[in-house]
Amino acid sequence: METINLFGALLLGLMGAGHCLAMCGGIISSLSVTSAANAEKKNWHFIVIYQIGRITSYTLFGAIAGWFGLQFSHLSPLP
């Protein structure tokens, strides 16, 4: 049985934080500012659609990466 390396998980999380701050934070900040400036239009649905798309795409890409990892694990000579 394999053990989880918590330091490795922490390191991967910290490495991903830069991407989240730079890309996701910038996009959602611009949508939020636009929504606040046009409060009478109620642009909240753009933010909800963005979040649903972000979660869906990350889930899909994670599933694809997991599938490839599973396929390559069958080629490994390790037990």
PDB file of N, CA and C in Angstrom:
ATOM      1  N   MET A   1       0.841  -1.178   0.000  1.00  0.00           N
ATOM      2  CA  MET A   1       0.000   0.000   0.000  1.00  0.00           C
ATOM      3  C   MET A   1       0.886   1.241   0.000  1.00  0.00           C
ATOM      4  N   GLU A   2       0.485   2.211  -0.782  1.00  0.00           N
ATOM      5  CA  GLU A   2       1.262   3.438  -0.868  1.00  0.00           C
ATOM      6  C   GLU A   2       0.810   4.417   0.205  1.00  0.00           C
ATOM      7  N   THR A   3       1.760   5.213   0.672  1.00  0.00           N
ATOM      8  CA  THR A   3       1.420   6.244   1.646  1.00  0.00           C
ATOM      9  C   THR A   3       1.382   7.594   0.953  1.00  0.00           C
ATOM     10  N   ILE A   4       0.624   8.498   1.517  1.00  0.00           N
ATOM     11  CA  ILE A   4       0.517   9.840   0.958  1.00  0.00           C
ATOM     12  C   ILE A   4       1.615  10.702   1.559  1.00  0.00           C
ATOM     13  N   ASN A   5       2.355  11.379   0.710  1.00  0.00           N
ATOM     14  CA  ASN A   5       3.393  12.277   1.156  1.00  0.00           C
ATOM     15  C   ASN A   5       2.762  13.658   1.335  1.00  0.00           C
ATOM     16  N   LEU A   6       2.523  14.060   2.574  1.00  0.00           N
ATOM     17  CA  LEU A   6       1.847  15.320   2.846  1.00  0.00           C
ATOM     18  C   LEU A   6       2.673  16.522   2.413  1.00  0.00           C
ATOM     19  N   PHE A   7       3.984  16.421   2.516  1.00  0.00           N
ATOM     20  CA  PHE A   7       4.830  17.523   2.061  1.00  0.00           C
ATOM     21  C   PHE A   7       4.689  17.720   0.561  1.00  0.00           C
ATOM     22  N   GLY A   8       4.645  16.638  -0.185  1.00  0.00           N
ATOM     23  CA  GLY A   8       4.463  16.726  -1.629  1.00  0.00           C
ATOM     24  C   GLY A   8       3.111  17.327  -1.988  1.00  0.00           C
ATOM     25  N   ALA A   9       2.071  16.938  -1.253  1.00  0.00           N
ATOM     26  CA  ALA A   9       0.742  17.503  -1.499  1.00  0.00           C
ATOM     27  C   ALA A   9       0.724  18.998  -1.189  1.00  0.00           C
ATOM     28  N   LEU A  10       1.381  19.404  -0.118  1.00  0.00           N
ATOM     29  CA  LEU A  10       1.455  20.821   0.236  1.00  0.00           C
ATOM     30  C   LEU A  10       2.219  21.594  -0.837  1.00  0.00           C
ATOM     31  N   LEU A  11       3.325  21.035  -1.298  1.00  0.00           N
ATOM     32  CA  LEU A  11       4.129  21.687  -2.322  1.00  0.00           C
ATOM     33  C   LEU A  11       3.346  21.852  -3.630  1.00  0.00           C
ATOM     34  N   LEU A  12       2.609  20.828  -4.033  1.00  0.00           N
ATOM     35  CA  LEU A  12       1.797  20.933  -5.245  1.00  0.00           C
ATOM     36  C   LEU A  12       0.690  21.972  -5.084  1.00  0.00           C
ATOM     37  N   GLY A  13       0.097  22.034  -3.909  1.00  0.00           N
ATOM     38  CA  GLY A  13      -0.931  23.039  -3.653  1.00  0.00           C
ATOM     39  C   GLY A  13      -0.376  24.451  -3.718  1.00  0.00           C
ATOM     40  N   LEU A  14       0.817  24.659  -3.170  1.00  0.00           N
ATOM     41  CA  LEU A  14       1.436  25.986  -3.215  1.00  0.00           C
ATOM     42  C   LEU A  14       1.836  26.371  -4.630  1.00  0.00           C
ATOM     43  N   MET A  15       2.265  25.398  -5.415  1.00  0.00           N
ATOM     44  CA  MET A  15       2.630  25.677  -6.802  1.00  0.00           C
ATOM     45  C   MET A  15       1.393  26.062  -7.616  1.00  0.00           C
ATOM     46  N   GLY A  16       0.272  25.457  -7.323  1.00  0.00           N
ATOM     47  CA  GLY A  16      -0.965  25.776  -8.035  1.00  0.00           C
ATOM     48  C   GLY A  16      -1.577  27.092  -7.602  1.00  0.00           C
ATOM     49  N   ALA A  17      -1.207  27.587  -6.426  1.00  0.00           N
ATOM     50  CA  ALA A  17      -1.782  28.834  -5.921  1.00  0.00           C
ATOM     51  C   ALA A  17      -1.413  30.022  -6.795  1.00  0.00           C
ATOM     52  N   GLY A  18      -0.224  30.037  -7.352  1.00  0.00           N
ATOM     53  CA  GLY A  18       0.196  31.126  -8.232  1.00  0.00           C
ATOM     54  C   GLY A  18      -0.675  31.194  -9.483  1.00  0.00           C
ATOM     55  N   HIS A  19      -0.975  30.047 -10.046  1.00  0.00           N
ATOM     56  CA  HIS A  19      -1.859  29.994 -11.215  1.00  0.00           C
ATOM     57  C   HIS A  19      -3.241  30.516 -10.857  1.00  0.00           C
ATOM     58  N   CYS A  20      -3.744  30.104  -9.732  1.00  0.00           N
ATOM     59  CA  CYS A  20      -5.092  30.514  -9.328  1.00  0.00           C
ATOM     60  C   CYS A  20      -5.159  32.019  -9.090  1.00  0.00           C
ATOM     61  N   LEU A  21      -4.159  32.565  -8.425  1.00  0.00           N
ATOM     62  CA  LEU A  21      -4.143  34.001  -8.179  1.00  0.00           C
ATOM     63  C   LEU A  21      -4.014  34.799  -9.467  1.00  0.00           C
ATOM     64  N   ALA A  22      -3.140  34.352 -10.352  1.00  0.00           N
ATOM     65  CA  ALA A  22      -2.874  35.118 -11.567  1.00  0.00           C
ATOM     66  C   ALA A  22      -4.004  35.014 -12.575  1.00  0.00           C
ATOM     67  N   MET A  23      -4.479  33.812 -12.842  1.00  0.00           N
ATOM     68  CA  MET A  23      -5.463  33.662 -13.898  1.00  0.00           C
ATOM     69  C   MET A  23      -6.884  33.767 -13.368  1.00  0.00           C
ATOM     70  N   CYS A  24      -7.258  32.876 -12.486  1.00  0.00           N
ATOM     71  CA  CYS A  24      -8.643  32.851 -12.002  1.00  0.00           C
ATOM     72  C   CYS A  24      -8.983  34.115 -11.221  1.00  0.00           C
ATOM     73  N   GLY A  25      -8.070  34.575 -10.409  1.00  0.00           N
ATOM     74  CA  GLY A  25      -8.321  35.776  -9.615  1.00  0.00           C
ATOM     75  C   GLY A  25      -8.514  37.006 -10.476  1.00  0.00           C
ATOM     76  N   GLY A  26      -7.712  37.144 -11.516  1.00  0.00           N
ATOM     77  CA  GLY A  26      -7.840  38.295 -12.401  1.00  0.00           C
ATOM     78  C   GLY A  26      -9.148  38.301 -13.170  1.00  0.00           C
ATOM     79  N   ILE A  27      -9.536  37.144 -13.663  1.00  0.00           N
ATOM     80  CA  ILE A  27     -10.775  37.067 -14.437  1.00  0.00           C
ATOM     81  C   ILE A  27     -11.983  37.339 -13.552  1.00  0.00           C
ATOM     82  N   ILE A  28     -12.039  36.697 -12.397  1.00  0.00           N
ATOM     83  CA  ILE A  28     -13.206  36.873 -11.537  1.00  0.00           C
ATOM     84  C   ILE A  28     -13.230  38.271 -10.930  1.00  0.00           C
ATOM     85  N   SER A  29     -12.072  38.879 -10.721  1.00  0.00           N
ATOM     86  CA  SER A  29     -12.039  40.257 -10.226  1.00  0.00           C
ATOM     87  C   SER A  29     -12.614  41.215 -11.257  1.00  0.00           C
ATOM     88  N   SER A  30     -12.250  41.026 -12.517  1.00  0.00           N
ATOM     89  CA  SER A  30     -12.789  41.909 -13.554  1.00  0.00           C
ATOM     90  C   SER A  30     -14.293  41.711 -13.718  1.00  0.00           C
ATOM     91  N   LEU A  31     -14.767  40.478 -13.597  1.00  0.00           N
ATOM     92  CA  LEU A  31     -16.209  40.252 -13.658  1.00  0.00           C
ATOM     93  C   LEU A  31     -16.927  40.875 -12.467  1.00  0.00           C
ATOM     94  N   SER A  32     -16.314  40.805 -11.298  1.00  0.00           N
ATOM     95  CA  SER A  32     -16.924  41.378 -10.101  1.00  0.00           C
ATOM     96  C   SER A  32     -16.984  42.897 -10.177  1.00  0.00           C
ATOM     97  N   VAL A  33     -15.913  43.529 -10.656  1.00  0.00           N
ATOM     98  CA  VAL A  33     -15.893  44.993 -10.783  1.00  0.00           C
ATOM     99  C   VAL A  33     -16.944  45.434 -11.791  1.00  0.00           C
ATOM    100  N   THR A  34     -17.039  44.702 -12.902  1.00  0.00           N
ATOM    101  CA  THR A  34     -18.044  45.024 -13.903  1.00  0.00           C
ATOM    102  C   THR A  34     -19.442  44.871 -13.326  1.00  0.00           C
ATOM    103  N   SER A  35     -19.653  43.822 -12.533  1.00  0.00           N
ATOM    104  CA  SER A  35     -20.965  43.606 -11.927  1.00  0.00           C
ATOM    105  C   SER A  35     -21.292  44.694 -10.925  1.00  0.00           C
ATOM    106  N   ALA A  36     -20.292  45.149 -10.160  1.00  0.00           N
ATOM    107  CA  ALA A  36     -20.532  46.204  -9.181  1.00  0.00           C
ATOM    108  C   ALA A  36     -20.832  47.532  -9.873  1.00  0.00           C
ATOM    109  N   ALA A  37     -20.160  47.797 -10.991  1.00  0.00           N
ATOM    110  CA  ALA A  37     -20.382  49.045 -11.714  1.00  0.00           C
ATOM    111  C   ALA A  37     -21.751  49.062 -12.389  1.00  0.00           C
ATOM    112  N   ASN A  38     -22.219  47.914 -12.794  1.00  0.00           N
ATOM    113  CA  ASN A  38     -23.519  47.809 -13.462  1.00  0.00           C
ATOM    114  C   ASN A  38     -24.496  47.054 -12.577  1.00  0.00           C
ATOM    115  N   ALA A  39     -24.650  47.487 -11.349  1.00  0.00           N
ATOM    116  CA  ALA A  39     -25.481  46.767 -10.384  1.00  0.00           C
ATOM    117  C   ALA A  39     -26.925  46.658 -10.837  1.00  0.00           C
ATOM    118  N   GLU A  40     -27.389  47.632 -11.599  1.00  0.00           N
ATOM    119  CA  GLU A  40     -28.780  47.583 -12.036  1.00  0.00           C
ATOM    120  C   GLU A  40     -29.026  46.467 -13.044  1.00  0.00           C
ATOM    121  N   LYS A  41     -27.962  46.009 -13.726  1.00  0.00           N
ATOM    122  CA  LYS A  41     -28.107  44.938 -14.710  1.00  0.00           C
ATOM    123  C   LYS A  41     -28.057  43.551 -14.078  1.00  0.00           C
ATOM    124  N   LYS A  42     -27.567  43.464 -12.863  1.00  0.00           N
ATOM    125  CA  LYS A  42     -27.467  42.178 -12.156  1.00  0.00           C
ATOM    126  C   LYS A  42     -26.683  41.150 -12.975  1.00  0.00           C
ATOM    127  N   ASN A  43     -25.386  41.385 -13.154  1.00  0.00           N
ATOM    128  CA  ASN A  43     -24.521  40.501 -13.944  1.00  0.00           C
ATOM    129  C   ASN A  43     -23.988  39.314 -13.155  1.00  0.00           C
ATOM    130  N   TRP A  44     -24.629  38.953 -12.080  1.00  0.00           N
ATOM    131  CA  TRP A  44     -24.145  37.843 -11.254  1.00  0.00           C
ATOM    132  C   TRP A  44     -24.137  36.528 -12.024  1.00  0.00           C
ATOM    133  N   HIS A  45     -25.001  36.391 -13.028  1.00  0.00           N
ATOM    134  CA  HIS A  45     -25.063  35.122 -13.753  1.00  0.00           C
ATOM    135  C   HIS A  45     -23.769  34.857 -14.537  1.00  0.00           C
ATOM    136  N   PHE A  46     -23.049  35.900 -14.942  1.00  0.00           N
ATOM    137  CA  PHE A  46     -21.758  35.689 -15.599  1.00  0.00           C
ATOM    138  C   PHE A  46     -20.749  35.065 -14.640  1.00  0.00           C
ATOM    139  N   ILE A  47     -20.775  35.495 -13.394  1.00  0.00           N
ATOM    140  CA  ILE A  47     -19.863  34.944 -12.397  1.00  0.00           C
ATOM    141  C   ILE A  47     -20.200  33.483 -12.114  1.00  0.00           C
ATOM    142  N   VAL A  48     -21.485  33.173 -11.997  1.00  0.00           N
ATOM    143  CA  VAL A  48     -21.904  31.794 -11.739  1.00  0.00           C
ATOM    144  C   VAL A  48     -21.523  30.890 -12.914  1.00  0.00           C
ATOM    145  N   ILE A  49     -21.761  31.350 -14.128  1.00  0.00           N
ATOM    146  CA  ILE A  49     -21.407  30.565 -15.312  1.00  0.00           C
ATOM    147  C   ILE A  49     -19.895  30.354 -15.382  1.00  0.00           C
ATOM    148  N   TYR A  50     -19.110  31.377 -15.052  1.00  0.00           N
ATOM    149  CA  TYR A  50     -17.652  31.249 -15.044  1.00  0.00           C
ATOM    150  C   TYR A  50     -17.217  30.173 -14.045  1.00  0.00           C
ATOM    151  N   GLN A  51     -17.779  30.209 -12.845  1.00  0.00           N
ATOM    152  CA  GLN A  51     -17.389  29.246 -11.812  1.00  0.00           C
ATOM    153  C   GLN A  51     -17.785  27.820 -12.206  1.00  0.00           C
ATOM    154  N   ILE A  52     -18.958  27.660 -12.770  1.00  0.00           N
ATOM    155  CA  ILE A  52     -19.386  26.324 -13.217  1.00  0.00           C
ATOM    156  C   ILE A  52     -18.463  25.820 -14.329  1.00  0.00           C
ATOM    157  N   GLY A  53     -18.128  26.677 -15.272  1.00  0.00           N
ATOM    158  CA  GLY A  53     -17.214  26.280 -16.345  1.00  0.00           C
ATOM    159  C   GLY A  53     -15.832  25.938 -15.837  1.00  0.00           C
ATOM    160  N   ARG A  54     -15.342  26.716 -14.860  1.00  0.00           N
ATOM    161  CA  ARG A  54     -14.017  26.457 -14.294  1.00  0.00           C
ATOM    162  C   ARG A  54     -13.993  25.114 -13.581  1.00  0.00           C
ATOM    163  N   ILE A  55     -14.977  24.849 -12.773  1.00  0.00           N
ATOM    164  CA  ILE A  55     -15.028  23.588 -12.028  1.00  0.00           C
ATOM    165  C   ILE A  55     -15.185  22.404 -12.980  1.00  0.00           C
ATOM    166  N   THR A  56     -16.042  22.560 -13.980  1.00  0.00           N
ATOM    167  CA  THR A  56     -16.259  21.481 -14.945  1.00  0.00           C
ATOM    168  C   THR A  56     -14.998  21.181 -15.753  1.00  0.00           C
ATOM    169  N   SER A  57     -14.317  22.226 -16.215  1.00  0.00           N
ATOM    170  CA  SER A  57     -13.120  21.986 -17.028  1.00  0.00           C
ATOM    171  C   SER A  57     -12.000  21.371 -16.197  1.00  0.00           C
ATOM    172  N   TYR A  58     -11.806  21.825 -14.964  1.00  0.00           N
ATOM    173  CA  TYR A  58     -10.773  21.220 -14.128  1.00  0.00           C
ATOM    174  C   TYR A  58     -11.111  19.769 -13.792  1.00  0.00           C
ATOM    175  N   THR A  59     -12.378  19.474 -13.592  1.00  0.00           N
ATOM    176  CA  THR A  59     -12.783  18.092 -13.330  1.00  0.00           C
ATOM    177  C   THR A  59     -12.530  17.216 -14.541  1.00  0.00           C
ATOM    178  N   LEU A  60     -12.885  17.710 -15.711  1.00  0.00           N
ATOM    179  CA  LEU A  60     -12.679  16.951 -16.943  1.00  0.00           C
ATOM    180  C   LEU A  60     -11.194  16.717 -17.206  1.00  0.00           C
ATOM    181  N   PHE A  61     -10.376  17.770 -17.094  1.00  0.00           N
ATOM    182  CA  PHE A  61      -8.938  17.606 -17.318  1.00  0.00           C
ATOM    183  C   PHE A  61      -8.302  16.688 -16.276  1.00  0.00           C
ATOM    184  N   GLY A  62      -8.785  16.758 -15.046  1.00  0.00           N
ATOM    185  CA  GLY A  62      -8.281  15.856 -14.005  1.00  0.00           C
ATOM    186  C   GLY A  62      -8.634  14.405 -14.284  1.00  0.00           C
ATOM    187  N   ALA A  63      -9.843  14.169 -14.779  1.00  0.00           N
ATOM    188  CA  ALA A  63     -10.253  12.806 -15.126  1.00  0.00           C
ATOM    189  C   ALA A  63      -9.431  12.268 -16.295  1.00  0.00           C
ATOM    190  N   ILE A  64      -9.179  13.116 -17.279  1.00  0.00           N
ATOM    191  CA  ILE A  64      -8.358  12.693 -18.427  1.00  0.00           C
ATOM    192  C   ILE A  64      -6.931  12.387 -17.974  1.00  0.00           C
ATOM    193  N   ALA A  65      -6.358  13.240 -17.150  1.00  0.00           N
ATOM    194  CA  ALA A  65      -4.997  12.992 -16.644  1.00  0.00           C
ATOM    195  C   ALA A  65      -4.956  11.721 -15.803  1.00  0.00           C
ATOM    196  N   GLY A  66      -5.991  11.493 -14.991  1.00  0.00           N
ATOM    197  CA  GLY A  66      -6.053  10.270 -14.195  1.00  0.00           C
ATOM    198  C   GLY A  66      -6.161   9.032 -15.059  1.00  0.00           C
ATOM    199  N   TRP A  67      -6.935   9.130 -16.134  1.00  0.00           N
ATOM    200  CA  TRP A  67      -7.074   8.000 -17.041  1.00  0.00           C
ATOM    201  C   TRP A  67      -5.740   7.673 -17.703  1.00  0.00           C
ATOM    202  N   PHE A  68      -5.032   8.717 -18.174  1.00  0.00           N
ATOM    203  CA  PHE A  68      -3.714   8.484 -18.765  1.00  0.00           C
ATOM    204  C   PHE A  68      -2.747   7.901 -17.739  1.00  0.00           C
ATOM    205  N   GLY A  69      -2.788   8.392 -16.527  1.00  0.00           N
ATOM    206  CA  GLY A  69      -1.933   7.844 -15.474  1.00  0.00           C
ATOM    207  C   GLY A  69      -2.220   6.381 -15.211  1.00  0.00           C
ATOM    208  N   LEU A  70      -3.495   6.007 -15.220  1.00  0.00           N
ATOM    209  CA  LEU A  70      -3.875   4.609 -15.027  1.00  0.00           C
ATOM    210  C   LEU A  70      -3.369   3.752 -16.175  1.00  0.00           C
ATOM    211  N   GLN A  71      -3.476   4.255 -17.401  1.00  0.00           N
ATOM    212  CA  GLN A  71      -3.004   3.495 -18.555  1.00  0.00           C
ATOM    213  C   GLN A  71      -1.493   3.290 -18.503  1.00  0.00           C
ATOM    214  N   PHE A  72      -0.753   4.331 -18.118  1.00  0.00           N
ATOM    215  CA  PHE A  72       0.699   4.205 -18.039  1.00  0.00           C
ATOM    216  C   PHE A  72       1.142   3.381 -16.839  1.00  0.00           C
ATOM    217  N   SER A  73       0.312   3.318 -15.805  1.00  0.00           N
ATOM    218  CA  SER A  73       0.690   2.510 -14.639  1.00  0.00           C
ATOM    219  C   SER A  73       0.693   1.024 -14.975  1.00  0.00           C
ATOM    220  N   HIS A  74      -0.091   0.635 -15.953  1.00  0.00           N
ATOM    221  CA  HIS A  74      -0.099  -0.780 -16.372  1.00  0.00           C
ATOM    222  C   HIS A  74       1.178  -1.136 -17.119  1.00  0.00           C
ATOM    223  N   LEU A  75       1.879  -0.158 -17.660  1.00  0.00           N
ATOM    224  CA  LEU A  75       3.131  -0.410 -18.368  1.00  0.00           C
ATOM    225  C   LEU A  75       4.341  -0.469 -17.435  1.00  0.00           C
ATOM    226  N   SER A  76       4.164  -0.022 -16.210  1.00  0.00           N
ATOM    227  CA  SER A  76       5.269   0.052 -15.255  1.00  0.00           C
ATOM    228  C   SER A  76       5.646  -1.344 -14.748  1.00  0.00           C
ATOM    229  N   PRO A  77       6.928  -1.621 -14.664  1.00  0.00           N
ATOM    230  CA  PRO A  77       7.357  -2.937 -14.166  1.00  0.00           C
ATOM    231  C   PRO A  77       7.266  -3.045 -12.631  1.00  0.00           C
ATOM    232  N   LEU A  78       6.984  -1.935 -11.954  1.00  0.00           N
ATOM    233  CA  LEU A  78       6.894  -1.980 -10.489  1.00  0.00           C
ATOM    234  C   LEU A  78       5.639  -2.707 -10.053  1.00  0.00           C
ATOM    235  N   PRO A  79       5.717  -3.418  -8.908  1.00  0.00           N
ATOM    236  CA  PRO A  79       4.547  -4.179  -8.433  1.00  0.00           C
ATOM    237  C   PRO A  79       3.430  -3.278  -7.960  1.00  0.00           C
TER     238      PRO A  79
END
